[in-house]
N, C-alpha and C. Protein backbone atom coordinates (compact mmCIF):
# COMPACT_ATOMS: atom_id res chain seq x y z
N MET A 1 0.85 -1.19 0.00
CA MET A 1 0.00 0.00 0.00
C MET A 1 0.89 1.25 0.00
N ARG A 2 0.51 2.20 -0.81
CA ARG A 2 1.22 3.48 -0.84
C ARG A 2 0.46 4.48 0.02
N TYR A 3 1.15 5.06 1.00
CA TYR A 3 0.53 6.04 1.89
C TYR A 3 0.65 7.43 1.29
N THR A 4 -0.39 8.22 1.45
CA THR A 4 -0.41 9.57 0.90
C THR A 4 -0.80 10.56 2.00
N TRP A 5 -0.06 11.65 2.06
CA TRP A 5 -0.33 12.73 3.00
C TRP A 5 -0.52 14.02 2.22
N LEU A 6 -1.25 14.94 2.81
CA LEU A 6 -1.50 16.24 2.20
C LEU A 6 -0.94 17.32 3.12
N ILE A 7 -0.18 18.24 2.56
CA ILE A 7 0.29 19.42 3.30
C ILE A 7 -0.55 20.59 2.82
N LEU A 8 -1.27 21.21 3.74
CA LEU A 8 -2.18 22.30 3.43
C LEU A 8 -1.57 23.60 3.98
N VAL A 9 -1.26 24.53 3.08
CA VAL A 9 -0.68 25.82 3.45
C VAL A 9 -1.72 26.88 3.14
N MET A 10 -2.12 27.67 4.17
CA MET A 10 -3.18 28.65 3.93
C MET A 10 -3.01 29.88 4.78
N ASN A 11 -3.57 30.96 4.27
CA ASN A 11 -3.71 32.19 5.05
C ASN A 11 -5.14 32.66 4.84
N THR A 12 -5.44 33.88 5.21
CA THR A 12 -6.82 34.35 5.12
C THR A 12 -7.31 34.54 3.69
N GLU A 13 -6.38 34.67 2.73
CA GLU A 13 -6.77 34.96 1.36
C GLU A 13 -6.77 33.74 0.43
N ARG A 14 -5.85 32.80 0.63
CA ARG A 14 -5.75 31.67 -0.30
C ARG A 14 -5.10 30.47 0.37
N PHE A 15 -5.07 29.36 -0.38
CA PHE A 15 -4.44 28.16 0.14
C PHE A 15 -3.80 27.36 -0.99
N ARG A 16 -2.85 26.51 -0.61
CA ARG A 16 -2.21 25.59 -1.57
C ARG A 16 -2.12 24.23 -0.94
N LYS A 17 -2.21 23.20 -1.78
CA LYS A 17 -2.13 21.83 -1.31
C LYS A 17 -0.93 21.14 -1.97
N PHE A 18 -0.20 20.37 -1.18
CA PHE A 18 0.91 19.58 -1.68
C PHE A 18 0.71 18.14 -1.25
N LYS A 19 0.66 17.21 -2.19
CA LYS A 19 0.52 15.79 -1.86
C LYS A 19 1.90 15.16 -1.79
N VAL A 20 2.07 14.30 -0.79
CA VAL A 20 3.31 13.55 -0.63
C VAL A 20 2.94 12.07 -0.67
N HIS A 21 3.45 11.36 -1.68
CA HIS A 21 3.18 9.94 -1.85
C HIS A 21 4.39 9.14 -1.37
N GLY A 22 4.12 8.10 -0.62
CA GLY A 22 5.19 7.21 -0.20
C GLY A 22 5.53 6.23 -1.31
N GLU A 23 6.72 5.71 -1.24
CA GLU A 23 7.15 4.69 -2.20
C GLU A 23 6.56 3.35 -1.79
N GLU A 24 6.46 2.45 -2.75
CA GLU A 24 5.98 1.10 -2.46
C GLU A 24 6.91 0.46 -1.42
N GLY A 25 6.34 -0.06 -0.37
CA GLY A 25 7.13 -0.72 0.67
C GLY A 25 7.47 0.18 1.85
N GLN A 26 7.27 1.49 1.74
CA GLN A 26 7.52 2.39 2.86
C GLN A 26 6.36 2.32 3.83
N SER A 27 6.67 2.37 5.12
CA SER A 27 5.60 2.38 6.12
C SER A 27 5.01 3.79 6.22
N ASN A 28 3.84 3.86 6.81
CA ASN A 28 3.19 5.15 6.97
C ASN A 28 4.03 6.06 7.86
N LYS A 29 4.70 5.48 8.84
CA LYS A 29 5.55 6.26 9.75
C LYS A 29 6.72 6.88 8.99
N GLU A 30 7.32 6.14 8.07
CA GLU A 30 8.43 6.65 7.26
C GLU A 30 7.97 7.81 6.37
N VAL A 31 6.80 7.64 5.76
CA VAL A 31 6.26 8.70 4.90
C VAL A 31 5.93 9.93 5.75
N TYR A 32 5.41 9.70 6.95
CA TYR A 32 5.08 10.81 7.85
C TYR A 32 6.34 11.60 8.22
N GLN A 33 7.46 10.92 8.43
CA GLN A 33 8.72 11.61 8.74
C GLN A 33 9.14 12.52 7.58
N ILE A 34 8.96 12.05 6.34
CA ILE A 34 9.25 12.86 5.16
C ILE A 34 8.34 14.08 5.12
N VAL A 35 7.05 13.86 5.44
CA VAL A 35 6.07 14.95 5.44
C VAL A 35 6.43 15.98 6.51
N LYS A 36 6.82 15.53 7.68
CA LYS A 36 7.22 16.46 8.75
C LYS A 36 8.41 17.31 8.32
N GLN A 37 9.36 16.71 7.62
CA GLN A 37 10.53 17.44 7.14
C GLN A 37 10.12 18.50 6.11
N LYS A 38 9.26 18.12 5.18
CA LYS A 38 8.79 19.07 4.16
C LYS A 38 7.96 20.18 4.78
N THR A 39 7.17 19.83 5.81
CA THR A 39 6.36 20.82 6.51
C THR A 39 7.26 21.84 7.19
N ALA A 40 8.34 21.39 7.82
CA ALA A 40 9.28 22.30 8.47
C ALA A 40 9.93 23.23 7.44
N GLU A 41 10.27 22.70 6.26
CA GLU A 41 10.84 23.53 5.20
C GLU A 41 9.86 24.60 4.74
N ILE A 42 8.61 24.21 4.58
CA ILE A 42 7.58 25.17 4.14
C ILE A 42 7.38 26.24 5.20
N LYS A 43 7.30 25.84 6.48
CA LYS A 43 7.11 26.82 7.56
C LYS A 43 8.26 27.82 7.61
N ALA A 44 9.46 27.36 7.30
CA ALA A 44 10.62 28.26 7.30
C ALA A 44 10.55 29.27 6.15
N LYS A 45 9.95 28.88 5.03
CA LYS A 45 9.88 29.75 3.84
C LYS A 45 8.75 30.77 3.92
N VAL A 46 7.58 30.35 4.42
CA VAL A 46 6.41 31.22 4.40
C VAL A 46 6.15 31.82 5.77
N LYS A 47 5.65 33.03 5.77
CA LYS A 47 5.28 33.71 7.01
C LYS A 47 3.78 33.99 6.98
N ASP A 48 3.20 34.11 8.13
CA ASP A 48 1.77 34.42 8.27
C ASP A 48 0.88 33.39 7.59
N CYS A 49 1.28 32.14 7.61
CA CYS A 49 0.47 31.07 7.04
C CYS A 49 0.32 29.94 8.05
N THR A 50 -0.77 29.23 7.94
CA THR A 50 -0.99 28.03 8.73
C THR A 50 -0.61 26.84 7.86
N VAL A 51 0.15 25.93 8.43
CA VAL A 51 0.55 24.72 7.70
C VAL A 51 0.01 23.52 8.47
N ASP A 52 -0.85 22.75 7.82
CA ASP A 52 -1.45 21.57 8.44
C ASP A 52 -1.11 20.33 7.63
N VAL A 53 -1.07 19.20 8.31
CA VAL A 53 -0.79 17.92 7.68
C VAL A 53 -2.04 17.05 7.82
N ILE A 54 -2.45 16.43 6.71
CA ILE A 54 -3.66 15.60 6.69
C ILE A 54 -3.33 14.25 6.08
N SER A 55 -3.78 13.19 6.76
CA SER A 55 -3.59 11.84 6.24
C SER A 55 -4.71 11.54 5.24
N LEU A 56 -4.34 11.06 4.08
CA LEU A 56 -5.35 10.74 3.07
C LEU A 56 -5.65 9.24 2.99
N THR A 57 -4.88 8.41 3.70
CA THR A 57 -5.06 6.97 3.57
C THR A 57 -5.29 6.24 4.88
N GLN A 58 -5.07 6.88 6.02
CA GLN A 58 -5.23 6.18 7.29
C GLN A 58 -5.82 7.12 8.33
N ALA A 59 -6.74 6.59 9.13
CA ALA A 59 -7.33 7.36 10.22
C ALA A 59 -6.56 7.05 11.51
N PHE A 60 -6.47 8.05 12.39
CA PHE A 60 -5.73 7.90 13.64
C PHE A 60 -6.64 8.16 14.82
N LYS A 61 -6.44 7.40 15.90
CA LYS A 61 -7.27 7.58 17.09
C LYS A 61 -6.72 8.74 17.91
N PRO A 62 -7.57 9.30 18.79
CA PRO A 62 -7.13 10.42 19.61
C PRO A 62 -6.10 9.97 20.65
N PRO A 63 -5.31 10.90 21.18
CA PRO A 63 -4.33 10.54 22.20
C PRO A 63 -5.02 10.02 23.46
N GLU A 64 -4.38 9.03 24.07
CA GLU A 64 -4.93 8.42 25.29
C GLU A 64 -5.02 9.45 26.42
N GLY A 65 -6.13 9.45 27.12
CA GLY A 65 -6.29 10.27 28.30
C GLY A 65 -6.55 11.75 28.04
N LYS A 66 -6.61 12.16 26.80
CA LYS A 66 -6.86 13.57 26.49
C LYS A 66 -8.36 13.79 26.32
N ILE A 67 -8.83 14.91 26.80
CA ILE A 67 -10.24 15.26 26.69
C ILE A 67 -10.37 16.38 25.68
N ALA A 68 -11.41 16.31 24.86
CA ALA A 68 -11.62 17.32 23.82
C ALA A 68 -11.91 18.68 24.44
N PRO A 69 -11.33 19.74 23.88
CA PRO A 69 -11.72 21.09 24.32
C PRO A 69 -13.21 21.31 24.01
N ARG A 70 -13.82 22.19 24.73
CA ARG A 70 -15.25 22.44 24.58
C ARG A 70 -15.60 22.79 23.13
N GLY A 71 -16.57 22.07 22.57
CA GLY A 71 -17.03 22.34 21.21
C GLY A 71 -16.21 21.67 20.12
N HIS A 72 -15.18 20.92 20.49
CA HIS A 72 -14.30 20.27 19.52
C HIS A 72 -14.59 18.77 19.45
N VAL A 73 -14.30 18.18 18.31
CA VAL A 73 -14.37 16.73 18.12
C VAL A 73 -13.06 16.28 17.48
N TRP A 74 -12.76 15.01 17.57
CA TRP A 74 -11.53 14.47 17.02
C TRP A 74 -11.67 14.27 15.52
N CYS A 75 -10.74 14.82 14.75
CA CYS A 75 -10.70 14.58 13.31
C CYS A 75 -9.60 13.54 13.08
N PRO A 76 -9.98 12.32 12.69
CA PRO A 76 -9.00 11.23 12.57
C PRO A 76 -8.03 11.38 11.41
N TYR A 77 -8.30 12.27 10.47
CA TYR A 77 -7.39 12.47 9.33
C TYR A 77 -6.50 13.69 9.52
N CYS A 78 -7.00 14.73 10.16
CA CYS A 78 -6.17 15.89 10.51
C CYS A 78 -5.30 15.58 11.73
N ILE A 79 -5.72 14.60 12.49
CA ILE A 79 -5.05 14.17 13.71
C ILE A 79 -5.01 15.32 14.72
N LYS A 80 -6.14 16.01 14.83
CA LYS A 80 -6.28 17.15 15.74
C LYS A 80 -7.73 17.26 16.21
N TRP A 81 -7.90 17.99 17.32
CA TRP A 81 -9.24 18.36 17.76
C TRP A 81 -9.68 19.52 16.86
N ARG A 82 -10.86 19.42 16.29
CA ARG A 82 -11.35 20.45 15.38
C ARG A 82 -12.80 20.83 15.73
N VAL A 83 -13.19 22.02 15.31
CA VAL A 83 -14.58 22.44 15.38
C VAL A 83 -15.16 22.19 13.99
N PHE A 84 -16.09 21.26 13.89
CA PHE A 84 -16.70 20.95 12.60
C PHE A 84 -17.76 22.00 12.30
N SER A 85 -17.86 22.39 11.05
CA SER A 85 -18.82 23.42 10.66
C SER A 85 -19.97 22.78 9.87
N TRP A 86 -21.12 23.44 9.91
CA TRP A 86 -22.30 22.94 9.25
C TRP A 86 -22.21 23.22 7.75
N SER A 87 -22.49 22.19 6.95
CA SER A 87 -22.50 22.33 5.50
C SER A 87 -23.96 22.33 5.03
N GLU A 88 -24.42 23.47 4.56
CA GLU A 88 -25.79 23.56 4.04
C GLU A 88 -25.98 22.64 2.84
N LYS A 89 -24.96 22.56 2.00
CA LYS A 89 -25.04 21.76 0.79
C LYS A 89 -25.23 20.28 1.10
N LEU A 90 -24.47 19.76 2.09
CA LEU A 90 -24.54 18.34 2.42
C LEU A 90 -25.53 18.03 3.53
N GLY A 91 -25.84 19.03 4.36
CA GLY A 91 -26.77 18.81 5.46
C GLY A 91 -26.14 18.05 6.63
N VAL A 92 -24.82 18.16 6.79
CA VAL A 92 -24.10 17.50 7.89
C VAL A 92 -22.97 18.41 8.36
N TYR A 93 -22.41 18.08 9.52
CA TYR A 93 -21.22 18.78 9.97
C TYR A 93 -20.01 18.17 9.28
N ARG A 94 -19.02 19.03 8.95
CA ARG A 94 -17.82 18.53 8.29
C ARG A 94 -16.59 19.31 8.76
N CYS A 95 -15.43 18.66 8.61
CA CYS A 95 -14.16 19.29 8.98
C CYS A 95 -13.83 20.36 7.93
N PRO A 96 -13.53 21.57 8.36
CA PRO A 96 -13.22 22.62 7.39
C PRO A 96 -11.85 22.45 6.71
N PHE A 97 -11.03 21.53 7.20
CA PHE A 97 -9.70 21.34 6.63
C PHE A 97 -9.64 20.15 5.69
N CYS A 98 -10.00 18.96 6.18
CA CYS A 98 -9.90 17.77 5.33
C CYS A 98 -11.22 17.42 4.64
N GLY A 99 -12.33 17.95 5.14
CA GLY A 99 -13.61 17.76 4.48
C GLY A 99 -14.42 16.54 4.89
N ILE A 100 -13.93 15.71 5.85
CA ILE A 100 -14.74 14.55 6.23
C ILE A 100 -15.99 15.01 6.96
N THR A 101 -17.01 14.20 6.93
CA THR A 101 -18.27 14.56 7.59
C THR A 101 -18.46 13.74 8.85
N GLN A 102 -19.50 14.10 9.58
CA GLN A 102 -19.85 13.37 10.80
C GLN A 102 -20.35 11.97 10.49
N ASN A 103 -20.55 11.64 9.23
CA ASN A 103 -21.00 10.30 8.84
C ASN A 103 -19.84 9.35 8.55
N ASP A 104 -18.60 9.83 8.61
CA ASP A 104 -17.44 8.99 8.37
C ASP A 104 -17.33 7.94 9.48
N PHE A 105 -17.00 6.71 9.11
CA PHE A 105 -16.90 5.61 10.07
C PHE A 105 -15.93 5.93 11.20
N TYR A 106 -14.73 6.42 10.86
CA TYR A 106 -13.71 6.68 11.88
C TYR A 106 -14.05 7.89 12.73
N TYR A 107 -14.77 8.85 12.18
CA TYR A 107 -15.27 9.96 12.99
C TYR A 107 -16.16 9.40 14.08
N LYS A 108 -17.09 8.54 13.68
CA LYS A 108 -18.02 7.96 14.65
C LYS A 108 -17.29 7.07 15.66
N LYS A 109 -16.35 6.29 15.19
CA LYS A 109 -15.62 5.36 16.06
C LYS A 109 -14.84 6.11 17.13
N TYR A 110 -14.09 7.13 16.74
CA TYR A 110 -13.20 7.82 17.68
C TYR A 110 -13.87 8.93 18.48
N ASN A 111 -15.09 9.30 18.12
CA ASN A 111 -15.82 10.30 18.89
C ASN A 111 -16.95 9.70 19.72
N GLY A 112 -16.98 8.38 19.81
CA GLY A 112 -17.93 7.70 20.70
C GLY A 112 -19.36 7.67 20.21
N VAL A 113 -19.59 7.92 18.94
CA VAL A 113 -20.97 7.92 18.42
C VAL A 113 -21.56 6.51 18.47
N PHE A 114 -20.76 5.49 18.15
CA PHE A 114 -21.26 4.13 18.18
C PHE A 114 -21.68 3.73 19.59
N THR A 115 -20.93 4.18 20.58
CA THR A 115 -21.27 3.88 21.97
C THR A 115 -22.63 4.47 22.32
N LYS A 116 -22.86 5.71 21.91
CA LYS A 116 -24.14 6.37 22.18
C LYS A 116 -25.27 5.66 21.45
N GLU A 117 -25.05 5.30 20.18
CA GLU A 117 -26.08 4.60 19.41
C GLU A 117 -26.41 3.25 20.05
N ARG A 118 -25.39 2.53 20.52
CA ARG A 118 -25.62 1.25 21.17
C ARG A 118 -26.43 1.43 22.45
N GLN A 119 -26.11 2.44 23.25
CA GLN A 119 -26.86 2.69 24.47
C GLN A 119 -28.31 3.01 24.15
N GLU A 120 -28.55 3.83 23.12
CA GLU A 120 -29.92 4.15 22.73
C GLU A 120 -30.66 2.91 22.26
N TRP A 121 -29.98 2.05 21.51
CA TRP A 121 -30.58 0.82 21.01
C TRP A 121 -30.95 -0.10 22.18
N LEU A 122 -30.05 -0.25 23.16
CA LEU A 122 -30.33 -1.08 24.33
C LEU A 122 -31.49 -0.52 25.13
N LEU A 123 -31.54 0.79 25.26
CA LEU A 123 -32.67 1.41 25.97
C LEU A 123 -33.97 1.18 25.24
N SER A 124 -33.95 1.26 23.91
CA SER A 124 -35.18 1.03 23.15
C SER A 124 -35.65 -0.41 23.32
N LEU A 125 -34.72 -1.37 23.41
CA LEU A 125 -35.10 -2.78 23.63
C LEU A 125 -35.78 -2.94 24.98
N SER A 126 -35.22 -2.31 26.01
CA SER A 126 -35.80 -2.45 27.34
C SER A 126 -37.17 -1.78 27.40
N ARG A 127 -37.37 -0.70 26.65
CA ARG A 127 -38.69 -0.04 26.62
C ARG A 127 -39.72 -0.93 25.95
N LYS A 128 -39.30 -1.63 24.87
CA LYS A 128 -40.21 -2.53 24.16
C LYS A 128 -40.62 -3.69 25.07
N GLU A 129 -39.68 -4.21 25.85
CA GLU A 129 -39.99 -5.32 26.75
C GLU A 129 -40.93 -4.87 27.85
N ARG A 130 -40.76 -3.65 28.33
CA ARG A 130 -41.66 -3.13 29.38
C ARG A 130 -43.04 -2.87 28.84
N ALA A 131 -43.16 -2.57 27.54
CA ALA A 131 -44.46 -2.27 26.94
C ALA A 131 -45.29 -3.54 26.76
N LYS A 132 -44.65 -4.71 26.74
CA LYS A 132 -45.38 -5.97 26.54
C LYS A 132 -46.27 -6.32 27.68
C-alpha cells in the first residue's frame, strides 16, 4: 500500500495543497517523517500562514487520556481536535480542513458515536420489553 499525505498551506486569502506519496514498501511512519521534514521547510519559507498535515489513507485515534476542548471533536485524518462546521449543501457537519463529515466511520468510532447509538438501542429494547 502506498501512503499519501497532504500538506495544506493557507492564510486568510488563499491556500495551496501539496501531496506527498510514499514509495511502495515504505511504512506510513516513514512517509510521515518525510512529510514532517517538508512541513518544516515550508514553515521556514512562508510567514503568516498556517501549515497543516492531513492523512489521506489512514485514520488515527485520539491521544490516550486527552479530553476534547469544549465544542471540539476528534478529526482522525487531521489528527487534531477540530470544530466541525455545518454544510448547508450536504446537510451535515464537516471538517473545514480535510472535508470529512460526521458520517465517516472513523469519525463515529473515535468520537464515541457508536457507543451512544448502542446505548440508545439497548434502551429502546428495554422499553419494548416493558411495553409488553
